[in-house]
Amino acid sequence: MILAVPSPLVQRYIRLCNKEGIEIAGIEYVRDAWGHRYTYDINGTTNYNQTLGARIGVDGMGEVARYLRRTATPARRRRRIAS
């Protein structure tokens, strides 16, 4: 998948997450009538939007599960427990 260059705000969020060691997050903001954006929440357990995921071709929860499996059990032999 090819992603466009993130907006300056998204770039700032990415830098913040990198600096703080946050690898998975959902970041929420609101925009006022004058276009100013205010970040009000950074979630370690995001409120995943399944409709958006389907539209862009990403299974967000599946990606999180794969990431956790890779990072939580790097040295253990992995086995499938369900099909």
C-alpha atoms as a PDB file:
ATOM      1  CA  MET A   1       0.000   0.000   0.000  1.00  0.00           C
ATOM      2  CA  ILE A   2       1.322   3.468  -0.870  1.00  0.00           C
ATOM      3  CA  LEU A   3       0.598   6.152   1.691  1.00  0.00           C
ATOM      4  CA  ALA A   4       0.684   9.876   1.035  1.00  0.00           C
ATOM      5  CA  VAL A   5       3.095  12.055   2.973  1.00  0.00           C
ATOM      6  CA  PRO A   6       1.474  12.668   6.369  1.00  0.00           C
ATOM      7  CA  SER A   7       0.241  16.135   7.241  1.00  0.00           C
ATOM      8  CA  PRO A   8       2.433  18.259   9.542  1.00  0.00           C
ATOM      9  CA  LEU A   9       0.152  17.384  12.471  1.00  0.00           C
ATOM     10  CA  VAL A  10       0.467  13.639  11.802  1.00  0.00           C
ATOM     11  CA  GLN A  11       4.240  14.076  11.498  1.00  0.00           C
ATOM     12  CA  ARG A  12       4.249  15.724  14.950  1.00  0.00           C
ATOM     13  CA  TYR A  13       2.198  12.830  16.365  1.00  0.00           C
ATOM     14  CA  ILE A  14       4.678  10.347  14.894  1.00  0.00           C
ATOM     15  CA  ARG A  15       7.653  12.218  16.388  1.00  0.00           C
ATOM     16  CA  LEU A  16       5.913  12.318  19.781  1.00  0.00           C
ATOM     17  CA  CYS A  17       5.177   8.598  19.682  1.00  0.00           C
ATOM     18  CA  ASN A  18       8.749   7.809  18.640  1.00  0.00           C
ATOM     19  CA  LYS A  19      10.170   9.996  21.424  1.00  0.00           C
ATOM     20  CA  GLU A  20       7.926   8.424  24.072  1.00  0.00           C
ATOM     21  CA  GLY A  21       8.335   4.847  22.836  1.00  0.00           C
ATOM     22  CA  ILE A  22       4.680   4.520  21.849  1.00  0.00           C
ATOM     23  CA  GLU A  23       4.428   1.916  19.090  1.00  0.00           C
ATOM     24  CA  ILE A  24       0.635   1.587  18.780  1.00  0.00           C
ATOM     25  CA  ALA A  25      -1.791   4.416  19.484  1.00  0.00           C
ATOM     26  CA  GLY A  26      -5.027   6.031  18.463  1.00  0.00           C
ATOM     27  CA  ILE A  27      -4.821   9.829  18.608  1.00  0.00           C
ATOM     28  CA  GLU A  28      -7.972  11.903  18.663  1.00  0.00           C
ATOM     29  CA  TYR A  29      -8.473  15.599  18.060  1.00  0.00           C
ATOM     30  CA  VAL A  30     -11.242  18.106  17.440  1.00  0.00           C
ATOM     31  CA  ARG A  31     -11.293  21.093  15.133  1.00  0.00           C
ATOM     32  CA  ASP A  32     -12.943  24.357  16.147  1.00  0.00           C
ATOM     33  CA  ALA A  33     -14.887  26.736  13.918  1.00  0.00           C
ATOM     34  CA  TRP A  34     -11.662  28.548  12.962  1.00  0.00           C
ATOM     35  CA  GLY A  35      -9.863  25.353  11.926  1.00  0.00           C
ATOM     36  CA  HIS A  36      -7.649  25.059  15.006  1.00  0.00           C
ATOM     37  CA  ARG A  37      -7.067  21.454  16.049  1.00  0.00           C
ATOM     38  CA  TYR A  38      -6.877  20.343  19.673  1.00  0.00           C
ATOM     39  CA  THR A  39      -5.571  16.918  20.585  1.00  0.00           C
ATOM     40  CA  TYR A  40      -7.545  15.524  23.486  1.00  0.00           C
ATOM     41  CA  ASP A  41      -6.623  11.859  23.718  1.00  0.00           C
ATOM     42  CA  ILE A  42      -3.826   9.399  22.997  1.00  0.00           C
ATOM     43  CA  ASN A  43      -5.065   5.839  23.474  1.00  0.00           C
ATOM     44  CA  GLY A  44      -2.823   2.835  23.901  1.00  0.00           C
ATOM     45  CA  THR A  45      -5.861   0.742  23.082  1.00  0.00           C
ATOM     46  CA  THR A  46      -7.428   2.484  20.145  1.00  0.00           C
ATOM     47  CA  ASN A  47     -11.076   2.677  19.159  1.00  0.00           C
ATOM     48  CA  TYR A  48     -10.504   1.001  15.805  1.00  0.00           C
ATOM     49  CA  ASN A  49     -12.749   2.082  12.955  1.00  0.00           C
ATOM     50  CA  GLN A  50     -13.598  -1.112  11.056  1.00  0.00           C
ATOM     51  CA  THR A  51     -15.403   0.762   8.278  1.00  0.00           C
ATOM     52  CA  LEU A  52     -12.355   2.893   7.521  1.00  0.00           C
ATOM     53  CA  GLY A  53     -10.112  -0.177   7.712  1.00  0.00           C
ATOM     54  CA  ALA A  54     -12.250  -1.952   5.132  1.00  0.00           C
ATOM     55  CA  ARG A  55     -12.190   1.099   2.863  1.00  0.00           C
ATOM     56  CA  ILE A  56      -8.377   1.342   2.875  1.00  0.00           C
ATOM     57  CA  GLY A  57      -7.768  -2.411   2.923  1.00  0.00           C
ATOM     58  CA  VAL A  58      -6.284  -2.730   6.416  1.00  0.00           C
ATOM     59  CA  ASP A  59      -7.328  -5.226   9.071  1.00  0.00           C
ATOM     60  CA  GLY A  60      -6.294  -3.086  12.044  1.00  0.00           C
ATOM     61  CA  MET A  61      -7.041  -5.590  14.780  1.00  0.00           C
ATOM     62  CA  GLY A  62      -5.272  -8.325  12.829  1.00  0.00           C
ATOM     63  CA  GLU A  63      -2.223  -6.077  12.445  1.00  0.00           C
ATOM     64  CA  VAL A  64      -2.203  -5.346  16.188  1.00  0.00           C
ATOM     65  CA  ALA A  65      -2.480  -9.069  16.962  1.00  0.00           C
ATOM     66  CA  ARG A  66       0.405  -9.901  14.608  1.00  0.00           C
ATOM     67  CA  TYR A  67       2.530  -7.117  16.117  1.00  0.00           C
ATOM     68  CA  LEU A  68       1.866  -8.317  19.661  1.00  0.00           C
ATOM     69  CA  ARG A  69       2.634 -11.885  18.731  1.00  0.00           C
ATOM     70  CA  ARG A  70       5.971 -10.856  17.170  1.00  0.00           C
ATOM     71  CA  THR A  71       7.002  -8.677  20.107  1.00  0.00           C
ATOM     72  CA  ALA A  72       5.594 -10.688  23.010  1.00  0.00           C
ATOM     73  CA  THR A  73       7.013 -14.054  21.950  1.00  0.00           C
ATOM     74  CA  PRO A  74      10.164 -13.346  19.930  1.00  0.00           C
ATOM     75  CA  ALA A  75      12.237 -16.243  21.302  1.00  0.00           C
ATOM     76  CA  ARG A  76       9.525 -18.859  21.770  1.00  0.00           C
ATOM     77  CA  ARG A  77       8.477 -21.211  19.033  1.00  0.00           C
ATOM     78  CA  ARG A  78       5.135 -19.973  17.822  1.00  0.00           C
ATOM     79  CA  ARG A  79       2.313 -22.419  17.300  1.00  0.00           C
ATOM     80  CA  ARG A  80      -1.145 -21.980  15.920  1.00  0.00           C
ATOM     81  CA  ILE A  81      -3.785 -22.552  18.608  1.00  0.00           C
ATOM     82  CA  ALA A  82      -6.870 -21.879  16.516  1.00  0.00           C
ATOM     83  CA  SER A  83      -7.705 -21.994  12.858  1.00  0.00           C
END
